Amino acid sequence: MRKSTTNVRQLVMAALCAALGVVLPVTMHSIPNAGSILLPMHIPVLLCGLVCGPVYGLTCGIVAPLLSSLITGMPPAAVLPSMLCELAVYGLAAGLLSKVVRTGKRVLDLYVQLIGAMLLGRVVYGVMNALVFSAGKYSFSAFVTAAFVTALPGIVIQLVLLPAVVLLLEKAHVIQTPAAAKR
């Protein structure tokens, strides 16, 4: 596939992911606390990083929460800065890891990339809250509870859904497999 066609596909996919980053959370607003439990904005940002690379993933991680906040008021202004940092790292890390992790087994690659990005994003979220956004008021137990306990259903959804979606997109030739991209 020509490079310009690939760039257009990546741009369209990134724009679709950013739009999903606004729409998915809206669909969840009727469920109490769904944002922090099901993590609907994380899914398209991680997907963008995995399929479009680090630059588009980072951009989607910034644009999706910003647009969502401006259009819907969610995330609220008090939460937006830490979510921007977290989601930007998700997209960037997923994209970077998708470029360097090559075990020879595609499913294993996806899980290593996804889990690595999820952990890095959560660490940045915790550090930013502890040192900047909620300095002096943010404890380690609050971090663990928010990032892992409350978010467990969303983490499971991401681990089940995202590798399957990436593999389906590759199988349908919507995106290139890593082996095809090297050619």
N, C-alpha and C. Protein backbone atom coordinates (compact mmCIF):
# COMPACT_ATOMS: atom_id res chain seq x y z
N MET A 1 0.85 -1.17 0.00
CA MET A 1 0.00 0.00 0.00
C MET A 1 0.90 1.24 0.00
N ARG A 2 0.50 2.24 -0.77
CA ARG A 2 1.29 3.46 -0.83
C ARG A 2 1.23 4.20 0.49
N LYS A 3 2.31 4.94 0.78
CA LYS A 3 2.42 5.66 2.04
C LYS A 3 1.31 6.69 2.23
N SER A 4 0.94 7.41 1.18
CA SER A 4 -0.10 8.43 1.31
C SER A 4 -1.45 7.80 1.65
N THR A 5 -1.74 6.63 1.08
CA THR A 5 -2.97 5.92 1.41
C THR A 5 -2.97 5.49 2.86
N THR A 6 -1.83 5.01 3.33
CA THR A 6 -1.70 4.60 4.73
C THR A 6 -1.90 5.79 5.65
N ASN A 7 -1.31 6.93 5.32
CA ASN A 7 -1.47 8.13 6.14
C ASN A 7 -2.92 8.58 6.22
N VAL A 8 -3.63 8.54 5.10
CA VAL A 8 -5.04 8.93 5.08
C VAL A 8 -5.85 7.97 5.93
N ARG A 9 -5.58 6.67 5.80
CA ARG A 9 -6.29 5.68 6.63
C ARG A 9 -6.03 5.93 8.12
N GLN A 10 -4.78 6.20 8.47
CA GLN A 10 -4.45 6.46 9.88
C GLN A 10 -5.16 7.72 10.37
N LEU A 11 -5.19 8.75 9.57
CA LEU A 11 -5.85 10.00 9.95
C LEU A 11 -7.35 9.78 10.15
N VAL A 12 -7.97 9.06 9.23
CA VAL A 12 -9.40 8.77 9.34
C VAL A 12 -9.67 7.91 10.57
N MET A 13 -8.85 6.89 10.79
CA MET A 13 -9.02 6.02 11.95
C MET A 13 -8.83 6.82 13.25
N ALA A 14 -7.85 7.70 13.28
CA ALA A 14 -7.62 8.52 14.48
C ALA A 14 -8.79 9.45 14.73
N ALA A 15 -9.34 10.04 13.68
CA ALA A 15 -10.50 10.92 13.82
C ALA A 15 -11.71 10.13 14.32
N LEU A 16 -11.88 8.93 13.80
CA LEU A 16 -12.97 8.06 14.25
C LEU A 16 -12.80 7.71 15.73
N CYS A 17 -11.58 7.40 16.13
CA CYS A 17 -11.31 7.09 17.54
C CYS A 17 -11.59 8.30 18.44
N ALA A 18 -11.17 9.48 18.00
CA ALA A 18 -11.43 10.70 18.79
C ALA A 18 -12.94 10.92 18.92
N ALA A 19 -13.68 10.71 17.83
CA ALA A 19 -15.14 10.85 17.87
C ALA A 19 -15.75 9.82 18.82
N LEU A 20 -15.27 8.59 18.76
CA LEU A 20 -15.74 7.56 19.70
C LEU A 20 -15.42 7.92 21.14
N GLY A 21 -14.32 8.63 21.33
CA GLY A 21 -13.95 9.09 22.67
C GLY A 21 -14.94 10.10 23.24
N VAL A 22 -15.72 10.71 22.39
CA VAL A 22 -16.79 11.61 22.84
C VAL A 22 -18.11 10.84 22.95
N VAL A 23 -18.40 10.02 21.95
CA VAL A 23 -19.70 9.34 21.87
C VAL A 23 -19.84 8.21 22.89
N LEU A 24 -18.84 7.37 23.05
CA LEU A 24 -18.94 6.24 23.99
C LEU A 24 -19.26 6.68 25.42
N PRO A 25 -18.57 7.67 25.96
CA PRO A 25 -18.93 8.11 27.32
C PRO A 25 -20.36 8.65 27.41
N VAL A 26 -20.83 9.33 26.37
CA VAL A 26 -22.20 9.86 26.38
C VAL A 26 -23.20 8.72 26.51
N THR A 27 -22.92 7.60 25.83
CA THR A 27 -23.84 6.47 25.91
C THR A 27 -23.87 5.85 27.30
N MET A 28 -22.85 6.11 28.09
CA MET A 28 -22.74 5.53 29.43
C MET A 28 -23.25 6.45 30.54
N HIS A 29 -23.56 7.70 30.24
CA HIS A 29 -23.89 8.68 31.27
C HIS A 29 -25.13 8.32 32.08
N SER A 30 -26.00 7.47 31.55
CA SER A 30 -27.18 7.08 32.33
C SER A 30 -26.85 6.07 33.42
N ILE A 31 -25.68 5.47 33.34
CA ILE A 31 -25.23 4.51 34.35
C ILE A 31 -24.41 5.28 35.39
N PRO A 32 -24.81 5.23 36.68
CA PRO A 32 -24.06 5.97 37.70
C PRO A 32 -22.58 5.53 37.76
N ASN A 33 -21.69 6.51 37.73
CA ASN A 33 -20.25 6.29 37.87
C ASN A 33 -19.65 5.43 36.75
N ALA A 34 -20.34 5.35 35.61
CA ALA A 34 -19.87 4.48 34.53
C ALA A 34 -18.51 4.90 33.98
N GLY A 35 -18.23 6.19 33.96
CA GLY A 35 -16.95 6.65 33.44
C GLY A 35 -15.77 6.07 34.18
N SER A 36 -15.83 6.06 35.49
CA SER A 36 -14.70 5.55 36.27
C SER A 36 -14.73 4.04 36.45
N ILE A 37 -15.86 3.42 36.13
CA ILE A 37 -15.95 1.95 36.24
C ILE A 37 -15.68 1.27 34.90
N LEU A 38 -16.32 1.76 33.83
CA LEU A 38 -16.22 1.10 32.53
C LEU A 38 -15.16 1.71 31.61
N LEU A 39 -14.68 2.90 31.94
CA LEU A 39 -13.59 3.56 31.21
C LEU A 39 -13.86 3.67 29.70
N PRO A 40 -15.03 4.20 29.32
CA PRO A 40 -15.36 4.21 27.89
C PRO A 40 -14.47 5.10 27.03
N MET A 41 -13.85 6.12 27.59
CA MET A 41 -12.99 6.99 26.80
C MET A 41 -11.61 6.34 26.56
N HIS A 42 -11.23 5.43 27.42
CA HIS A 42 -9.92 4.79 27.28
C HIS A 42 -9.86 3.87 26.07
N ILE A 43 -10.98 3.23 25.76
CA ILE A 43 -11.01 2.23 24.68
C ILE A 43 -10.59 2.82 23.34
N PRO A 44 -11.22 3.89 22.86
CA PRO A 44 -10.80 4.41 21.55
C PRO A 44 -9.39 5.01 21.56
N VAL A 45 -8.95 5.55 22.67
CA VAL A 45 -7.60 6.11 22.72
C VAL A 45 -6.56 5.00 22.63
N LEU A 46 -6.75 3.93 23.39
CA LEU A 46 -5.83 2.79 23.31
C LEU A 46 -5.86 2.17 21.91
N LEU A 47 -7.06 2.04 21.35
CA LEU A 47 -7.19 1.49 20.00
C LEU A 47 -6.43 2.36 19.00
N CYS A 48 -6.58 3.66 19.12
CA CYS A 48 -5.89 4.57 18.21
C CYS A 48 -4.38 4.39 18.29
N GLY A 49 -3.85 4.33 19.49
CA GLY A 49 -2.42 4.11 19.64
C GLY A 49 -1.97 2.80 19.02
N LEU A 50 -2.74 1.74 19.25
CA LEU A 50 -2.37 0.42 18.74
C LEU A 50 -2.39 0.35 17.22
N VAL A 51 -3.37 1.01 16.60
CA VAL A 51 -3.51 0.86 15.14
C VAL A 51 -2.97 2.02 14.33
N CYS A 52 -2.82 3.19 14.94
CA CYS A 52 -2.37 4.36 14.18
C CYS A 52 -0.97 4.83 14.56
N GLY A 53 -0.45 4.36 15.68
CA GLY A 53 0.89 4.75 16.07
C GLY A 53 0.92 5.82 17.15
N PRO A 54 2.12 6.17 17.61
CA PRO A 54 2.27 7.06 18.77
C PRO A 54 1.79 8.49 18.57
N VAL A 55 2.01 9.08 17.41
CA VAL A 55 1.62 10.48 17.20
C VAL A 55 0.10 10.61 17.19
N TYR A 56 -0.56 9.77 16.42
CA TYR A 56 -2.02 9.81 16.39
C TYR A 56 -2.61 9.39 17.73
N GLY A 57 -2.00 8.40 18.38
CA GLY A 57 -2.48 7.97 19.69
C GLY A 57 -2.40 9.08 20.72
N LEU A 58 -1.27 9.78 20.74
CA LEU A 58 -1.09 10.92 21.64
C LEU A 58 -2.12 12.01 21.33
N THR A 59 -2.29 12.31 20.06
CA THR A 59 -3.24 13.34 19.65
C THR A 59 -4.67 12.96 20.06
N CYS A 60 -5.04 11.73 19.82
CA CYS A 60 -6.38 11.26 20.20
C CYS A 60 -6.56 11.33 21.71
N GLY A 61 -5.51 11.00 22.47
CA GLY A 61 -5.57 11.05 23.92
C GLY A 61 -5.74 12.45 24.47
N ILE A 62 -5.38 13.44 23.69
CA ILE A 62 -5.58 14.84 24.09
C ILE A 62 -6.91 15.37 23.56
N VAL A 63 -7.19 15.09 22.30
CA VAL A 63 -8.38 15.65 21.65
C VAL A 63 -9.68 15.06 22.21
N ALA A 64 -9.73 13.75 22.43
CA ALA A 64 -10.98 13.11 22.87
C ALA A 64 -11.50 13.68 24.20
N PRO A 65 -10.68 13.72 25.27
CA PRO A 65 -11.23 14.26 26.51
C PRO A 65 -11.50 15.77 26.44
N LEU A 66 -10.67 16.47 25.68
CA LEU A 66 -10.88 17.91 25.54
C LEU A 66 -12.20 18.21 24.83
N LEU A 67 -12.43 17.55 23.70
CA LEU A 67 -13.69 17.74 22.97
C LEU A 67 -14.88 17.29 23.81
N SER A 68 -14.74 16.15 24.47
CA SER A 68 -15.83 15.64 25.29
C SER A 68 -16.18 16.63 26.40
N SER A 69 -15.17 17.18 27.02
CA SER A 69 -15.41 18.15 28.09
C SER A 69 -16.08 19.41 27.56
N LEU A 70 -15.64 19.88 26.40
CA LEU A 70 -16.23 21.09 25.81
C LEU A 70 -17.66 20.85 25.34
N ILE A 71 -17.92 19.68 24.77
CA ILE A 71 -19.25 19.39 24.20
C ILE A 71 -20.24 18.93 25.26
N THR A 72 -19.80 18.03 26.14
CA THR A 72 -20.73 17.39 27.09
C THR A 72 -20.53 17.80 28.54
N GLY A 73 -19.42 18.45 28.84
CA GLY A 73 -19.13 18.78 30.23
C GLY A 73 -18.50 17.63 31.01
N MET A 74 -18.25 16.52 30.32
CA MET A 74 -17.62 15.35 30.93
C MET A 74 -16.36 15.01 30.15
N PRO A 75 -15.24 14.84 30.75
CA PRO A 75 -14.99 14.96 32.18
C PRO A 75 -15.08 16.42 32.63
N PRO A 76 -15.47 16.60 33.89
CA PRO A 76 -15.56 17.97 34.41
C PRO A 76 -14.18 18.63 34.46
N ALA A 77 -14.18 19.94 34.49
CA ALA A 77 -12.94 20.72 34.44
C ALA A 77 -11.94 20.31 35.53
N ALA A 78 -12.42 19.92 36.69
CA ALA A 78 -11.52 19.54 37.79
C ALA A 78 -10.77 18.24 37.48
N VAL A 79 -11.37 17.37 36.68
CA VAL A 79 -10.78 16.06 36.37
C VAL A 79 -10.04 16.08 35.04
N LEU A 80 -10.40 17.02 34.17
CA LEU A 80 -9.86 17.06 32.82
C LEU A 80 -8.33 17.05 32.74
N PRO A 81 -7.60 17.86 33.50
CA PRO A 81 -6.14 17.85 33.34
C PRO A 81 -5.50 16.49 33.60
N SER A 82 -5.91 15.81 34.66
CA SER A 82 -5.30 14.50 34.93
C SER A 82 -5.72 13.47 33.90
N MET A 83 -6.96 13.56 33.39
CA MET A 83 -7.39 12.63 32.34
C MET A 83 -6.65 12.90 31.04
N LEU A 84 -6.40 14.17 30.74
CA LEU A 84 -5.63 14.50 29.54
C LEU A 84 -4.25 13.85 29.59
N CYS A 85 -3.60 13.96 30.73
CA CYS A 85 -2.27 13.37 30.88
C CYS A 85 -2.34 11.85 30.75
N GLU A 86 -3.29 11.24 31.46
CA GLU A 86 -3.43 9.79 31.45
C GLU A 86 -3.72 9.28 30.03
N LEU A 87 -4.71 9.85 29.37
CA LEU A 87 -5.09 9.37 28.05
C LEU A 87 -4.03 9.67 27.00
N ALA A 88 -3.35 10.79 27.12
CA ALA A 88 -2.25 11.09 26.18
C ALA A 88 -1.17 10.02 26.30
N VAL A 89 -0.85 9.63 27.53
CA VAL A 89 0.16 8.59 27.73
C VAL A 89 -0.34 7.25 27.22
N TYR A 90 -1.63 6.94 27.42
CA TYR A 90 -2.18 5.69 26.86
C TYR A 90 -1.95 5.63 25.36
N GLY A 91 -2.36 6.68 24.65
CA GLY A 91 -2.23 6.68 23.20
C GLY A 91 -0.79 6.63 22.74
N LEU A 92 0.06 7.45 23.38
CA LEU A 92 1.48 7.48 23.03
C LEU A 92 2.14 6.14 23.31
N ALA A 93 1.94 5.60 24.50
CA ALA A 93 2.59 4.35 24.89
C ALA A 93 2.10 3.18 24.05
N ALA A 94 0.79 3.12 23.79
CA ALA A 94 0.27 2.03 22.95
C ALA A 94 0.90 2.09 21.56
N GLY A 95 1.03 3.31 21.03
CA GLY A 95 1.64 3.48 19.72
C GLY A 95 3.11 3.12 19.70
N LEU A 96 3.85 3.59 20.71
CA LEU A 96 5.28 3.26 20.77
C LEU A 96 5.50 1.77 20.96
N LEU A 97 4.74 1.17 21.86
CA LEU A 97 4.89 -0.26 22.11
C LEU A 97 4.49 -1.08 20.89
N SER A 98 3.52 -0.58 20.11
CA SER A 98 3.13 -1.31 18.90
C SER A 98 4.24 -1.31 17.86
N LYS A 99 5.14 -0.35 17.96
CA LYS A 99 6.27 -0.28 17.03
C LYS A 99 7.43 -1.17 17.46
N VAL A 100 7.59 -1.43 18.77
CA VAL A 100 8.79 -2.12 19.24
C VAL A 100 8.56 -3.53 19.76
N VAL A 101 7.36 -3.85 20.20
CA VAL A 101 7.11 -5.18 20.76
C VAL A 101 6.82 -6.16 19.63
N ARG A 102 7.72 -7.11 19.45
CA ARG A 102 7.59 -8.14 18.41
C ARG A 102 8.05 -9.48 18.98
N THR A 103 7.12 -10.25 19.50
CA THR A 103 7.46 -11.55 20.07
C THR A 103 7.37 -12.66 19.04
N GLY A 104 6.75 -12.38 17.90
CA GLY A 104 6.51 -13.41 16.90
C GLY A 104 5.11 -14.00 17.01
N LYS A 105 4.41 -13.65 18.06
CA LYS A 105 3.03 -14.09 18.25
C LYS A 105 2.16 -12.84 18.36
N ARG A 106 1.29 -12.65 17.38
CA ARG A 106 0.52 -11.39 17.28
C ARG A 106 -0.35 -11.13 18.51
N VAL A 107 -1.02 -12.14 19.01
CA VAL A 107 -1.89 -11.95 20.17
C VAL A 107 -1.07 -11.55 21.39
N LEU A 108 0.07 -12.20 21.59
CA LEU A 108 0.94 -11.85 22.71
C LEU A 108 1.46 -10.43 22.55
N ASP A 109 1.84 -10.05 21.34
CA ASP A 109 2.27 -8.67 21.08
C ASP A 109 1.21 -7.68 21.53
N LEU A 110 -0.04 -7.93 21.12
CA LEU A 110 -1.12 -7.01 21.46
C LEU A 110 -1.32 -6.91 22.97
N TYR A 111 -1.24 -8.02 23.67
CA TYR A 111 -1.43 -7.97 25.12
C TYR A 111 -0.27 -7.25 25.82
N VAL A 112 0.95 -7.48 25.37
CA VAL A 112 2.10 -6.78 25.96
C VAL A 112 1.98 -5.28 25.70
N GLN A 113 1.62 -4.91 24.48
CA GLN A 113 1.46 -3.50 24.12
C GLN A 113 0.34 -2.86 24.94
N LEU A 114 -0.78 -3.53 25.03
CA LEU A 114 -1.94 -3.00 25.72
C LEU A 114 -1.70 -2.88 27.22
N ILE A 115 -1.21 -3.94 27.84
CA ILE A 115 -0.97 -3.91 29.29
C ILE A 115 0.12 -2.90 29.64
N GLY A 116 1.17 -2.83 28.81
CA GLY A 116 2.22 -1.84 29.05
C GLY A 116 1.68 -0.42 29.00
N ALA A 117 0.86 -0.13 28.00
CA ALA A 117 0.27 1.21 27.87
C ALA A 117 -0.67 1.50 29.03
N MET A 118 -1.47 0.51 29.42
CA MET A 118 -2.41 0.70 30.52
C MET A 118 -1.68 0.99 31.83
N LEU A 119 -0.60 0.27 32.07
CA LEU A 119 0.16 0.50 33.30
C LEU A 119 0.85 1.86 33.29
N LEU A 120 1.47 2.21 32.17
CA LEU A 120 2.15 3.52 32.08
C LEU A 120 1.16 4.67 32.26
N GLY A 121 0.01 4.57 31.62
CA GLY A 121 -1.01 5.61 31.76
C GLY A 121 -1.49 5.76 33.18
N ARG A 122 -1.69 4.64 33.86
CA ARG A 122 -2.15 4.69 35.25
C ARG A 122 -1.07 5.26 36.18
N VAL A 123 0.17 4.91 35.93
CA VAL A 123 1.26 5.47 36.74
C VAL A 123 1.32 6.99 36.56
N VAL A 124 1.23 7.46 35.32
CA VAL A 124 1.25 8.90 35.07
C VAL A 124 0.05 9.56 35.74
N TYR A 125 -1.12 8.95 35.65
CA TYR A 125 -2.32 9.46 36.30
C TYR A 125 -2.08 9.61 37.82
N GLY A 126 -1.52 8.58 38.43
CA GLY A 126 -1.26 8.63 39.87
C GLY A 126 -0.22 9.67 40.25
N VAL A 127 0.87 9.71 39.48
CA VAL A 127 1.94 10.68 39.77
C VAL A 127 1.44 12.10 39.59
N MET A 128 0.73 12.36 38.50
CA MET A 128 0.23 13.71 38.26
C MET A 128 -0.76 14.14 39.35
N ASN A 129 -1.62 13.24 39.78
CA ASN A 129 -2.56 13.58 40.86
C ASN A 129 -1.82 13.81 42.17
N ALA A 130 -0.84 12.97 42.46
CA ALA A 130 -0.12 13.08 43.72
C ALA A 130 0.76 14.32 43.79
N LEU A 131 1.38 14.69 42.67
CA LEU A 131 2.34 15.78 42.69
C LEU A 131 1.81 17.12 42.17
N VAL A 132 0.78 17.09 41.33
CA VAL A 132 0.34 18.33 40.70
C VAL A 132 -1.12 18.65 40.99
N PHE A 133 -2.02 17.82 40.51
CA PHE A 133 -3.43 18.16 40.50
C PHE A 133 -4.11 18.03 41.86
N SER A 134 -3.68 17.10 42.68
CA SER A 134 -4.26 16.92 44.02
C SER A 134 -3.15 16.80 45.06
N ALA A 135 -2.10 17.57 44.89
CA ALA A 135 -0.93 17.47 45.75
C ALA A 135 -1.31 17.56 47.23
N GLY A 136 -0.83 16.59 47.99
CA GLY A 136 -1.09 16.57 49.42
C GLY A 136 -2.42 15.94 49.81
N LYS A 137 -3.32 15.74 48.84
CA LYS A 137 -4.64 15.17 49.13
C LYS A 137 -4.82 13.81 48.48
N TYR A 138 -3.85 13.34 47.75
CA TYR A 138 -3.99 12.11 46.97
C TYR A 138 -3.11 11.03 47.57
N SER A 139 -3.70 9.99 48.09
CA SER A 139 -2.95 8.92 48.74
C SER A 139 -2.73 7.74 47.79
N PHE A 140 -1.82 6.87 48.19
CA PHE A 140 -1.57 5.67 47.40
C PHE A 140 -2.81 4.78 47.37
N SER A 141 -3.53 4.70 48.47
CA SER A 141 -4.74 3.88 48.48
C SER A 141 -5.82 4.47 47.57
N ALA A 142 -5.90 5.78 47.48
CA ALA A 142 -6.85 6.41 46.56
C ALA A 142 -6.47 6.08 45.12
N PHE A 143 -5.17 6.09 44.83
CA PHE A 143 -4.68 5.73 43.50
C PHE A 143 -5.04 4.30 43.15
N VAL A 144 -4.72 3.36 44.03
CA VAL A 144 -4.98 1.95 43.77
C VAL A 144 -6.48 1.71 43.59
N THR A 145 -7.28 2.34 44.44
CA THR A 145 -8.72 2.18 44.35
C THR A 145 -9.25 2.71 43.02
N ALA A 146 -8.86 3.92 42.65
CA ALA A 146 -9.36 4.53 41.41
C ALA A 146 -8.81 3.83 40.17
N ALA A 147 -7.52 3.54 40.17
CA ALA A 147 -6.87 3.04 38.96
C ALA A 147 -7.05 1.55 38.73
N PHE A 148 -7.29 0.79 39.79
CA PHE A 148 -7.35 -0.66 39.62
C PHE A 148 -8.62 -1.30 40.17
N VAL A 149 -9.08 -0.92 41.35
CA VAL A 149 -10.24 -1.58 41.95
C VAL A 149 -11.53 -1.12 41.29
N THR A 150 -11.81 0.17 41.34
CA THR A 150 -13.03 0.70 40.73
C THR A 150 -13.03 0.44 39.23
N ALA A 151 -11.87 0.55 38.61
CA ALA A 151 -11.74 0.43 37.15
C ALA A 151 -11.64 -1.01 36.66
N LEU A 152 -11.69 -1.99 37.54
CA LEU A 152 -11.50 -3.39 37.13
C LEU A 152 -12.45 -3.82 36.01
N PRO A 153 -13.74 -3.51 36.06
CA PRO A 153 -14.59 -3.91 34.92
C PRO A 153 -14.13 -3.29 33.59
N GLY A 154 -13.71 -2.05 33.61
CA GLY A 154 -13.22 -1.40 32.39
C GLY A 154 -11.92 -2.02 31.91
N ILE A 155 -11.05 -2.39 32.84
CA ILE A 155 -9.79 -3.04 32.48
C ILE A 155 -10.07 -4.37 31.79
N VAL A 156 -11.00 -5.13 32.35
CA VAL A 156 -11.36 -6.42 31.74
C VAL A 156 -11.95 -6.21 30.34
N ILE A 157 -12.82 -5.23 30.21
CA ILE A 157 -13.41 -4.91 28.89
C ILE A 157 -12.30 -4.58 27.89
N GLN A 158 -11.35 -3.77 28.30
CA GLN A 158 -10.25 -3.39 27.40
C GLN A 158 -9.43 -4.61 27.00
N LEU A 159 -9.12 -5.47 27.97
CA LEU A 159 -8.30 -6.65 27.68
C LEU A 159 -9.00 -7.67 26.79
N VAL A 160 -10.32 -7.72 26.86
CA VAL A 160 -11.08 -8.64 26.01
C VAL A 160 -11.35 -8.02 24.64
N LEU A 161 -11.79 -6.78 24.64
CA LEU A 161 -12.27 -6.13 23.43
C LEU A 161 -11.16 -5.67 22.48
N LEU A 162 -10.16 -4.98 22.99
CA LEU A 162 -9.19 -4.33 22.11
C LEU A 162 -8.36 -5.28 21.26
N PRO A 163 -7.78 -6.35 21.82
CA PRO A 163 -7.05 -7.27 20.92
C PRO A 163 -7.95 -7.86 19.84
N ALA A 164 -9.19 -8.19 20.21
CA ALA A 164 -10.13 -8.74 19.23
C ALA A 164 -10.43 -7.74 18.12
N VAL A 165 -10.64 -6.48 18.48
CA VAL A 165 -10.94 -5.45 17.49
C VAL A 165 -9.74 -5.24 16.56
N VAL A 166 -8.54 -5.18 17.12
CA VAL A 166 -7.35 -4.98 16.29
C VAL A 166 -7.18 -6.15 15.33
N LEU A 167 -7.34 -7.36 15.82
CA LEU A 167 -7.20 -8.54 14.95
C LEU A 167 -8.27 -8.56 13.85
N LEU A 168 -9.50 -8.18 14.20
CA LEU A 168 -10.56 -8.11 13.19
C LEU A 168 -10.28 -7.04 12.14
N LEU A 169 -9.79 -5.89 12.57
CA LEU A 169 -9.44 -4.83 11.62
C LEU A 169 -8.32 -5.27 10.68
N GLU A 170 -7.36 -6.01 11.22
CA GLU A 170 -6.27 -6.53 10.39
C GLU A 170 -6.80 -7.59 9.41
N LYS A 171 -7.64 -8.47 9.90
CA LYS A 171 -8.19 -9.54 9.05
C LYS A 171 -9.04 -8.96 7.93
N ALA A 172 -9.76 -7.88 8.20
CA ALA A 172 -10.59 -7.22 7.19
C ALA A 172 -9.78 -6.28 6.30
N HIS A 173 -8.48 -6.19 6.54
CA HIS A 173 -7.56 -5.33 5.78
C HIS A 173 -7.92 -3.86 5.88
N VAL A 174 -8.54 -3.49 6.99
CA VAL A 174 -8.81 -2.07 7.27
C VAL A 174 -7.51 -1.41 7.72
N ILE A 175 -6.72 -2.15 8.47
CA ILE A 175 -5.39 -1.70 8.88
C ILE A 175 -4.38 -2.77 8.47
N GLN A 176 -3.13 -2.38 8.39
CA GLN A 176 -2.08 -3.31 8.01
C GLN A 176 -1.61 -4.10 9.22
N THR A 177 -1.26 -5.35 8.98
CA THR A 177 -0.60 -6.12 10.02
C THR A 177 0.84 -5.61 10.11
N PRO A 178 1.49 -5.79 11.25
CA PRO A 178 2.88 -5.33 11.37
C PRO A 178 3.80 -5.93 10.31
N ALA A 179 3.59 -7.18 9.92
CA ALA A 179 4.42 -7.81 8.90
C ALA A 179 4.22 -7.13 7.55
N ALA A 180 2.98 -6.79 7.21
CA ALA A 180 2.69 -6.12 5.93
C ALA A 180 3.24 -4.70 5.92
N ALA A 181 3.24 -4.06 7.07
CA ALA A 181 3.74 -2.68 7.15
C ALA A 181 5.24 -2.61 6.90
N LYS A 182 5.98 -3.69 7.20
CA LYS A 182 7.43 -3.68 7.02
C LYS A 182 7.83 -3.74 5.55
N ARG A 183 6.95 -4.31 4.73
CA ARG A 183 7.28 -4.47 3.30
C ARG A 183 7.37 -3.18 2.57
